[in-house]
């Protein structure tokens, strides 16, 4: 599977014990434009995709799945899939023979990544791990990957965990219209408590965080989907409202960004 996209794509490769059963190849991609890993499959190696600074869109069997910065997209060997990232994102693609312990029964889809595992993954993709320590780092990284359902396993980074649970659900469906009051009711907490947790966890209010997520997801979809459909897909009631929000965030209209 070869990445495609406009402009120059930089790819750095880091191999670790490729002759070992637990060996892996970490590829770090960076591009000014949209980065797409077109439809393909690996018969020998499993694939793991991670972007610490944006949203990934995974496609498999005609279905789209949004994957946030606290998640990875996992594809078992032999499974045909596609992955796309927005402009300017860094994407780590890990090719490995050994599957993470929590994903032994998972074919394809989003999976959670803990803070330590995310840090180790970035280090493995930047020569930040000494060869003598790479085996332990690889094992700890794989152990930090967890099967995702609708909530985040493990402890939150800063807050109490309420905001992270909502963020997990919204990442999977940016167009979800559920408001802050309804989320608070489902979690059996006050609206103020949930709002404070968003600010503590992300430095943004619920509305600000949701808007940012929707616009990041839209940048990936715009490459292959009409503006009107993208607006609806990410939760905007009207195309005009989406265009205003997108222009305010990125300084260019969706149509012009798509044509650039």
C-alpha atoms as a PDB file:
ATOM      1  CA  UNK A   1       0.000   0.000   0.000  1.00  0.00           C
ATOM      2  CA  UNK A   2       1.639   3.229  -1.150  1.00  0.00           C
ATOM      3  CA  UNK A   3       0.612   6.628   0.253  1.00  0.00           C
ATOM      4  CA  UNK A   4      -0.616   9.124  -2.314  1.00  0.00           C
ATOM      5  CA  UNK A   5      -1.328  12.835  -2.070  1.00  0.00           C
ATOM      6  CA  UNK A   6      -0.478  16.257  -3.513  1.00  0.00           C
ATOM      7  CA  UNK A   7       2.951  17.750  -2.988  1.00  0.00           C
ATOM      8  CA  UNK A   8       6.079  16.188  -1.589  1.00  0.00           C
ATOM      9  CA  UNK A   9       5.625  13.378   0.908  1.00  0.00           C
ATOM     10  CA  UNK A  10       8.445  12.721   3.327  1.00  0.00           C
ATOM     11  CA  UNK A  11       8.773   9.217   4.716  1.00  0.00           C
ATOM     12  CA  UNK A  12      11.319   8.177   7.364  1.00  0.00           C
ATOM     13  CA  UNK A  13      11.787   4.471   8.120  1.00  0.00           C
ATOM     14  CA  UNK A  14      12.893   2.884  11.396  1.00  0.00           C
ATOM     15  CA  UNK A  15      13.378  -0.896  11.493  1.00  0.00           C
ATOM     16  CA  UNK A  16      13.530  -2.849  14.756  1.00  0.00           C
ATOM     17  CA  UNK A  17      14.453  -6.541  14.876  1.00  0.00           C
ATOM     18  CA  UNK A  18      12.785  -7.373  11.572  1.00  0.00           C
ATOM     19  CA  UNK A  19      14.194 -10.907  11.685  1.00  0.00           C
ATOM     20  CA  UNK A  20      12.561 -11.466  15.066  1.00  0.00           C
ATOM     21  CA  UNK A  21       8.927 -12.549  15.576  1.00  0.00           C
ATOM     22  CA  UNK A  22       8.335  -9.330  17.532  1.00  0.00           C
ATOM     23  CA  UNK A  23      10.119  -7.119  14.997  1.00  0.00           C
ATOM     24  CA  UNK A  24       8.462  -4.077  13.491  1.00  0.00           C
ATOM     25  CA  UNK A  25       8.955  -1.375  10.883  1.00  0.00           C
ATOM     26  CA  UNK A  26       7.848   2.149  11.822  1.00  0.00           C
ATOM     27  CA  UNK A  27       7.273   4.604   8.983  1.00  0.00           C
ATOM     28  CA  UNK A  28       6.684   8.290   9.708  1.00  0.00           C
ATOM     29  CA  UNK A  29       4.924  10.231   6.938  1.00  0.00           C
ATOM     30  CA  UNK A  30       4.604  13.990   6.635  1.00  0.00           C
ATOM     31  CA  UNK A  31       2.950  15.910   3.819  1.00  0.00           C
ATOM     32  CA  UNK A  32       1.687  19.453   3.272  1.00  0.00           C
ATOM     33  CA  UNK A  33      -1.355  18.022   1.508  1.00  0.00           C
ATOM     34  CA  UNK A  34      -3.833  15.275   2.256  1.00  0.00           C
ATOM     35  CA  UNK A  35      -2.150  11.918   2.789  1.00  0.00           C
ATOM     36  CA  UNK A  36      -3.982   8.841   1.518  1.00  0.00           C
ATOM     37  CA  UNK A  37      -3.006   5.211   1.865  1.00  0.00           C
ATOM     38  CA  UNK A  38      -5.024   3.814  -1.041  1.00  0.00           C
ATOM     39  CA  UNK A  39      -6.899   0.539  -0.931  1.00  0.00           C
ATOM     40  CA  UNK A  40      -4.579  -2.364  -0.316  1.00  0.00           C
ATOM     41  CA  UNK A  41      -3.710  -5.242   1.973  1.00  0.00           C
ATOM     42  CA  UNK A  42      -0.646  -6.801   3.539  1.00  0.00           C
ATOM     43  CA  UNK A  43      -0.485 -10.586   3.472  1.00  0.00           C
ATOM     44  CA  UNK A  44       2.429 -10.901   5.922  1.00  0.00           C
ATOM     45  CA  UNK A  45       2.376  -7.909   8.273  1.00  0.00           C
ATOM     46  CA  UNK A  46      -0.316  -6.302  10.431  1.00  0.00           C
ATOM     47  CA  UNK A  47      -0.797  -2.530  10.026  1.00  0.00           C
ATOM     48  CA  UNK A  48      -1.209   0.120  12.715  1.00  0.00           C
ATOM     49  CA  UNK A  49      -1.813   3.829  11.888  1.00  0.00           C
ATOM     50  CA  UNK A  50      -1.470   6.703  14.356  1.00  0.00           C
ATOM     51  CA  UNK A  51      -1.660  10.494  13.964  1.00  0.00           C
ATOM     52  CA  UNK A  52      -0.887  12.548  17.098  1.00  0.00           C
ATOM     53  CA  UNK A  53      -2.040  15.838  15.561  1.00  0.00           C
ATOM     54  CA  UNK A  54      -5.267  15.128  13.707  1.00  0.00           C
ATOM     55  CA  UNK A  55      -8.075  12.791  12.738  1.00  0.00           C
ATOM     56  CA  UNK A  56      -7.627   9.708  10.557  1.00  0.00           C
ATOM     57  CA  UNK A  57     -10.396   8.242   8.436  1.00  0.00           C
ATOM     58  CA  UNK A  58     -10.221   4.481   8.008  1.00  0.00           C
ATOM     59  CA  UNK A  59     -12.242   2.771   5.290  1.00  0.00           C
ATOM     60  CA  UNK A  60     -13.050  -0.912   5.102  1.00  0.00           C
ATOM     61  CA  UNK A  61     -15.869  -2.638   3.270  1.00  0.00           C
ATOM     62  CA  UNK A  62     -17.437   0.647   2.176  1.00  0.00           C
ATOM     63  CA  UNK A  63     -17.682   1.998   5.727  1.00  0.00           C
ATOM     64  CA  UNK A  64     -15.827   5.022   7.174  1.00  0.00           C
ATOM     65  CA  UNK A  65     -14.468   5.174  10.704  1.00  0.00           C
ATOM     66  CA  UNK A  66     -13.020   8.296  12.308  1.00  0.00           C
ATOM     67  CA  UNK A  67      -9.965   7.776  14.507  1.00  0.00           C
ATOM     68  CA  UNK A  68      -8.836  10.470  16.948  1.00  0.00           C
ATOM     69  CA  UNK A  69      -5.374  11.391  18.334  1.00  0.00           C
ATOM     70  CA  UNK A  70      -5.916   9.079  21.332  1.00  0.00           C
ATOM     71  CA  UNK A  71      -6.548   6.119  19.043  1.00  0.00           C
ATOM     72  CA  UNK A  72      -4.935   4.049  16.313  1.00  0.00           C
ATOM     73  CA  UNK A  73      -6.432   2.383  13.248  1.00  0.00           C
ATOM     74  CA  UNK A  74      -5.685  -1.336  13.224  1.00  0.00           C
ATOM     75  CA  UNK A  75      -5.814  -3.714  10.233  1.00  0.00           C
ATOM     76  CA  UNK A  76      -4.926  -7.372  10.588  1.00  0.00           C
ATOM     77  CA  UNK A  77      -2.834  -8.879   7.787  1.00  0.00           C
ATOM     78  CA  UNK A  78      -4.916  -9.938   4.809  1.00  0.00           C
ATOM     79  CA  UNK A  79      -7.617  -7.297   5.457  1.00  0.00           C
ATOM     80  CA  UNK A  80      -8.166  -4.801   2.622  1.00  0.00           C
ATOM     81  CA  UNK A  81      -8.420  -1.240   3.928  1.00  0.00           C
ATOM     82  CA  UNK A  82      -7.738   2.457   3.225  1.00  0.00           C
ATOM     83  CA  UNK A  83      -6.577   5.257   5.513  1.00  0.00           C
ATOM     84  CA  UNK A  84      -6.544   9.022   4.923  1.00  0.00           C
ATOM     85  CA  UNK A  85      -5.209  11.972   6.926  1.00  0.00           C
ATOM     86  CA  UNK A  86      -5.739  15.720   6.615  1.00  0.00           C
ATOM     87  CA  UNK A  87      -3.237  18.317   5.351  1.00  0.00           C
ATOM     88  CA  UNK A  88      -0.132  18.791   7.487  1.00  0.00           C
ATOM     89  CA  UNK A  89      -0.712  15.772   9.703  1.00  0.00           C
ATOM     90  CA  UNK A  90       2.055  13.439  10.792  1.00  0.00           C
ATOM     91  CA  UNK A  91       1.111   9.782  10.369  1.00  0.00           C
ATOM     92  CA  UNK A  92       2.960   6.844  11.896  1.00  0.00           C
ATOM     93  CA  UNK A  93       2.400   3.537  10.145  1.00  0.00           C
ATOM     94  CA  UNK A  94       3.640   0.470  11.990  1.00  0.00           C
ATOM     95  CA  UNK A  95       4.128  -2.841  10.169  1.00  0.00           C
ATOM     96  CA  UNK A  96       4.454  -5.791  12.542  1.00  0.00           C
ATOM     97  CA  UNK A  97       4.188  -9.572  12.701  1.00  0.00           C
ATOM     98  CA  UNK A  98       3.030  -9.715  16.311  1.00  0.00           C
ATOM     99  CA  UNK A  99      -0.399  -8.316  17.153  1.00  0.00           C
ATOM    100  CA  UNK A 100      -1.081  -6.300  20.334  1.00  0.00           C
ATOM    101  CA  UNK A 101      -2.383  -8.604  23.101  1.00  0.00           C
ATOM    102  CA  UNK A 102      -5.747  -6.807  23.284  1.00  0.00           C
ATOM    103  CA  UNK A 103      -6.369  -7.055  19.527  1.00  0.00           C
ATOM    104  CA  UNK A 104      -5.886 -10.756  18.902  1.00  0.00           C
ATOM    105  CA  UNK A 105      -9.550 -11.164  17.928  1.00  0.00           C
ATOM    106  CA  UNK A 106      -9.951  -7.829  16.109  1.00  0.00           C
ATOM    107  CA  UNK A 107      -9.772  -7.744  12.296  1.00  0.00           C
ATOM    108  CA  UNK A 108      -9.934  -4.021  11.618  1.00  0.00           C
ATOM    109  CA  UNK A 109     -10.995  -0.788  13.301  1.00  0.00           C
ATOM    110  CA  UNK A 110     -10.140   1.828  15.908  1.00  0.00           C
ATOM    111  CA  UNK A 111      -8.240   0.926  19.056  1.00  0.00           C
ATOM    112  CA  UNK A 112      -7.241   3.020  22.051  1.00  0.00           C
ATOM    113  CA  UNK A 113      -3.649   4.047  22.732  1.00  0.00           C
ATOM    114  CA  UNK A 114      -2.501   5.021  26.214  1.00  0.00           C
ATOM    115  CA  UNK A 115      -0.240   8.048  26.873  1.00  0.00           C
ATOM    116  CA  UNK A 116       2.878   5.918  27.417  1.00  0.00           C
ATOM    117  CA  UNK A 117       2.189   3.816  24.316  1.00  0.00           C
ATOM    118  CA  UNK A 118       1.666   6.960  22.227  1.00  0.00           C
ATOM    119  CA  UNK A 119       4.950   8.441  23.504  1.00  0.00           C
ATOM    120  CA  UNK A 120       6.798   5.194  22.764  1.00  0.00           C
ATOM    121  CA  UNK A 121       5.290   5.016  19.289  1.00  0.00           C
ATOM    122  CA  UNK A 122       6.504   8.534  18.538  1.00  0.00           C
ATOM    123  CA  UNK A 123       9.948   7.666  19.920  1.00  0.00           C
ATOM    124  CA  UNK A 124      10.160   4.502  17.817  1.00  0.00           C
ATOM    125  CA  UNK A 125       9.357   6.649  14.797  1.00  0.00           C
ATOM    126  CA  UNK A 126      12.079   9.207  15.437  1.00  0.00           C
ATOM    127  CA  UNK A 127      15.199   7.261  16.486  1.00  0.00           C
ATOM    128  CA  UNK A 128      14.291   8.067  20.070  1.00  0.00           C
ATOM    129  CA  UNK A 129      14.863   4.517  21.310  1.00  0.00           C
ATOM    130  CA  UNK A 130      18.290   2.964  21.724  1.00  0.00           C
ATOM    131  CA  UNK A 131      18.679  -0.412  19.937  1.00  0.00           C
ATOM    132  CA  UNK A 132      19.462  -2.151  23.228  1.00  0.00           C
ATOM    133  CA  UNK A 133      16.135  -0.968  24.657  1.00  0.00           C
ATOM    134  CA  UNK A 134      13.964  -1.312  21.576  1.00  0.00           C
ATOM    135  CA  UNK A 135      12.606  -4.786  22.410  1.00  0.00           C
ATOM    136  CA  UNK A 136      11.230  -3.595  25.771  1.00  0.00           C
ATOM    137  CA  UNK A 137       9.915  -0.383  24.211  1.00  0.00           C
ATOM    138  CA  UNK A 138       8.109  -2.354  21.506  1.00  0.00           C
ATOM    139  CA  UNK A 139       6.559  -4.710  24.037  1.00  0.00           C
ATOM    140  CA  UNK A 140       5.376  -1.828  26.250  1.00  0.00           C
ATOM    141  CA  UNK A 141       3.971   0.023  23.252  1.00  0.00           C
ATOM    142  CA  UNK A 142       1.957  -2.997  22.116  1.00  0.00           C
ATOM    143  CA  UNK A 143       0.725  -3.569  25.668  1.00  0.00           C
ATOM    144  CA  UNK A 144      -0.614   0.001  25.701  1.00  0.00           C
ATOM    145  CA  UNK A 145      -2.902  -0.617  22.716  1.00  0.00           C
ATOM    146  CA  UNK A 146      -6.415  -1.559  23.833  1.00  0.00           C
ATOM    147  CA  UNK A 147      -9.579  -2.671  22.092  1.00  0.00           C
ATOM    148  CA  UNK A 148     -11.959   0.260  21.709  1.00  0.00           C
ATOM    149  CA  UNK A 149     -15.689   0.026  22.170  1.00  0.00           C
ATOM    150  CA  UNK A 150     -17.354   3.356  23.022  1.00  0.00           C
ATOM    151  CA  UNK A 151     -15.297   4.458  26.007  1.00  0.00           C
ATOM    152  CA  UNK A 152     -11.666   4.980  26.826  1.00  0.00           C
ATOM    153  CA  UNK A 153     -10.068   2.235  28.932  1.00  0.00           C
ATOM    154  CA  UNK A 154      -7.512   3.297  31.480  1.00  0.00           C
ATOM    155  CA  UNK A 155      -7.034   6.515  33.393  1.00  0.00           C
ATOM    156  CA  UNK A 156      -7.519   9.937  31.770  1.00  0.00           C
ATOM    157  CA  UNK A 157      -4.498  12.160  31.265  1.00  0.00           C
ATOM    158  CA  UNK A 158      -5.630  15.200  33.250  1.00  0.00           C
ATOM    159  CA  UNK A 159      -9.333  15.186  34.061  1.00  0.00           C
ATOM    160  CA  UNK A 160     -11.715  12.815  35.781  1.00  0.00           C
ATOM    161  CA  UNK A 161     -12.463  10.820  32.628  1.00  0.00           C
ATOM    162  CA  UNK A 162     -15.923  12.182  31.810  1.00  0.00           C
ATOM    163  CA  UNK A 163     -14.697  14.414  28.982  1.00  0.00           C
ATOM    164  CA  UNK A 164     -12.566  11.623  27.530  1.00  0.00           C
ATOM    165  CA  UNK A 165     -15.576   9.294  27.383  1.00  0.00           C
ATOM    166  CA  UNK A 166     -17.580  11.908  25.484  1.00  0.00           C
ATOM    167  CA  UNK A 167     -14.618  12.698  23.234  1.00  0.00           C
ATOM    168  CA  UNK A 168     -14.257   9.016  22.365  1.00  0.00           C
ATOM    169  CA  UNK A 169     -17.882   8.768  21.238  1.00  0.00           C
ATOM    170  CA  UNK A 170     -17.734  12.032  19.266  1.00  0.00           C
ATOM    171  CA  UNK A 171     -14.514  11.046  17.522  1.00  0.00           C
ATOM    172  CA  UNK A 172     -16.274   7.969  16.147  1.00  0.00           C
ATOM    173  CA  UNK A 173     -19.183  10.137  14.962  1.00  0.00           C
ATOM    174  CA  UNK A 174     -18.332  13.867  14.645  1.00  0.00           C
ATOM    175  CA  UNK A 175     -21.860  14.575  13.414  1.00  0.00           C
ATOM    176  CA  UNK A 176     -23.474  13.337  16.635  1.00  0.00           C
ATOM    177  CA  UNK A 177     -25.897  16.145  17.638  1.00  0.00           C
ATOM    178  CA  UNK A 178     -25.969  15.259  21.350  1.00  0.00           C
ATOM    179  CA  UNK A 179     -25.584  18.388  23.487  1.00  0.00           C
ATOM    180  CA  UNK A 180     -23.577  18.928  26.652  1.00  0.00           C
ATOM    181  CA  UNK A 181     -26.674  18.677  28.873  1.00  0.00           C
ATOM    182  CA  UNK A 182     -27.599  15.263  27.465  1.00  0.00           C
ATOM    183  CA  UNK A 183     -24.044  13.942  27.826  1.00  0.00           C
ATOM    184  CA  UNK A 184     -24.011  15.096  31.448  1.00  0.00           C
ATOM    185  CA  UNK A 185     -27.330  13.334  32.071  1.00  0.00           C
ATOM    186  CA  UNK A 186     -26.017  10.071  30.589  1.00  0.00           C
ATOM    187  CA  UNK A 187     -22.894  10.267  32.753  1.00  0.00           C
ATOM    188  CA  UNK A 188     -24.880  11.224  35.885  1.00  0.00           C
ATOM    189  CA  UNK A 189     -22.841  14.372  36.468  1.00  0.00           C
ATOM    190  CA  UNK A 190     -23.677  18.076  36.396  1.00  0.00           C
ATOM    191  CA  UNK A 191     -23.216  20.163  33.269  1.00  0.00           C
ATOM    192  CA  UNK A 192     -20.663  22.309  35.126  1.00  0.00           C
ATOM    193  CA  UNK A 193     -18.653  19.226  36.103  1.00  0.00           C
ATOM    194  CA  UNK A 194     -18.507  17.967  32.523  1.00  0.00           C
ATOM    195  CA  UNK A 195     -17.651  21.399  31.149  1.00  0.00           C
ATOM    196  CA  UNK A 196     -14.835  21.810  33.703  1.00  0.00           C
ATOM    197  CA  UNK A 197     -13.516  18.383  32.774  1.00  0.00           C
ATOM    198  CA  UNK A 198     -13.329  19.346  29.085  1.00  0.00           C
ATOM    199  CA  UNK A 199     -11.335  22.471  29.930  1.00  0.00           C
ATOM    200  CA  UNK A 200      -9.031  20.518  32.249  1.00  0.00           C
ATOM    201  CA  UNK A 201      -8.494  17.663  29.778  1.00  0.00           C
ATOM    202  CA  UNK A 202      -8.277  19.580  26.485  1.00  0.00           C
ATOM    203  CA  UNK A 203      -7.980  23.272  27.354  1.00  0.00           C
ATOM    204  CA  UNK A 204     -11.204  23.891  25.400  1.00  0.00           C
ATOM    205  CA  UNK A 205     -14.893  24.036  26.191  1.00  0.00           C
ATOM    206  CA  UNK A 206     -17.142  21.232  24.966  1.00  0.00           C
ATOM    207  CA  UNK A 207     -18.421  23.349  22.067  1.00  0.00           C
ATOM    208  CA  UNK A 208     -14.926  24.471  21.061  1.00  0.00           C
ATOM    209  CA  UNK A 209     -13.571  20.916  21.177  1.00  0.00           C
ATOM    210  CA  UNK A 210     -16.481  19.494  19.157  1.00  0.00           C
ATOM    211  CA  UNK A 211     -16.154  22.237  16.522  1.00  0.00           C
ATOM    212  CA  UNK A 212     -12.424  21.598  16.178  1.00  0.00           C
ATOM    213  CA  UNK A 213     -13.011  17.848  15.799  1.00  0.00           C
ATOM    214  CA  UNK A 214     -15.684  18.358  13.147  1.00  0.00           C
ATOM    215  CA  UNK A 215     -13.497  20.668  11.086  1.00  0.00           C
ATOM    216  CA  UNK A 216     -10.462  18.381  11.293  1.00  0.00           C
ATOM    217  CA  UNK A 217     -12.595  15.456  10.128  1.00  0.00           C
ATOM    218  CA  UNK A 218     -14.020  17.553   7.291  1.00  0.00           C
ATOM    219  CA  UNK A 219     -10.568  18.277   5.847  1.00  0.00           C
ATOM    220  CA  UNK A 220     -10.053  14.589   5.153  1.00  0.00           C
ATOM    221  CA  UNK A 221     -13.534  14.008   3.720  1.00  0.00           C
ATOM    222  CA  UNK A 222     -13.349  17.012   1.391  1.00  0.00           C
ATOM    223  CA  UNK A 223     -10.859  15.237  -0.865  1.00  0.00           C
ATOM    224  CA  UNK A 224     -13.475  12.765  -2.069  1.00  0.00           C
ATOM    225  CA  UNK A 225     -16.855  14.142  -0.965  1.00  0.00           C
ATOM    226  CA  UNK A 226     -18.897  17.203  -2.039  1.00  0.00           C
ATOM    227  CA  UNK A 227     -18.939  20.155   0.375  1.00  0.00           C
ATOM    228  CA  UNK A 228     -22.691  19.853   1.047  1.00  0.00           C
ATOM    229  CA  UNK A 229     -22.372  16.187   1.987  1.00  0.00           C
ATOM    230  CA  UNK A 230     -19.329  16.844   4.170  1.00  0.00           C
ATOM    231  CA  UNK A 231     -21.192  19.583   6.038  1.00  0.00           C
ATOM    232  CA  UNK A 232     -24.023  17.187   6.860  1.00  0.00           C
ATOM    233  CA  UNK A 233     -21.639  14.334   7.672  1.00  0.00           C
ATOM    234  CA  UNK A 234     -19.784  16.310  10.341  1.00  0.00           C
ATOM    235  CA  UNK A 235     -22.903  17.713  11.969  1.00  0.00           C
ATOM    236  CA  UNK A 236     -23.713  21.087  10.397  1.00  0.00           C
ATOM    237  CA  UNK A 237     -27.376  21.882   9.762  1.00  0.00           C
ATOM    238  CA  UNK A 238     -26.526  24.012   6.713  1.00  0.00           C
ATOM    239  CA  UNK A 239     -23.712  24.199   4.206  1.00  0.00           C
ATOM    240  CA  UNK A 240     -23.377  27.951   4.776  1.00  0.00           C
ATOM    241  CA  UNK A 241     -22.786  27.465   8.523  1.00  0.00           C
ATOM    242  CA  UNK A 242     -20.109  24.875   7.739  1.00  0.00           C
ATOM    243  CA  UNK A 243     -18.387  27.173   5.230  1.00  0.00           C
ATOM    244  CA  UNK A 244     -18.301  30.028   7.761  1.00  0.00           C
ATOM    245  CA  UNK A 245     -16.842  27.793  10.498  1.00  0.00           C
ATOM    246  CA  UNK A 246     -14.286  26.208   8.144  1.00  0.00           C
ATOM    247  CA  UNK A 247     -13.137  29.582   6.797  1.00  0.00           C
ATOM    248  CA  UNK A 248     -12.818  31.022  10.307  1.00  0.00           C
ATOM    249  CA  UNK A 249     -10.687  28.041  11.399  1.00  0.00           C
ATOM    250  CA  UNK A 250      -8.448  27.561   8.353  1.00  0.00           C
ATOM    251  CA  UNK A 251      -8.537  30.931   6.565  1.00  0.00           C
ATOM    252  CA  UNK A 252      -9.846  29.480   3.300  1.00  0.00           C
ATOM    253  CA  UNK A 253     -13.238  28.211   2.131  1.00  0.00           C
ATOM    254  CA  UNK A 254     -13.763  24.440   1.765  1.00  0.00           C
ATOM    255  CA  UNK A 255     -14.131  24.781  -2.006  1.00  0.00           C
ATOM    256  CA  UNK A 256     -10.874  26.708  -2.438  1.00  0.00           C
ATOM    257  CA  UNK A 257      -8.961  24.364  -0.138  1.00  0.00           C
ATOM    258  CA  UNK A 258     -10.220  21.419  -2.169  1.00  0.00           C
ATOM    259  CA  UNK A 259      -9.065  23.043  -5.414  1.00  0.00           C
ATOM    260  CA  UNK A 260      -5.621  23.978  -4.077  1.00  0.00           C
END
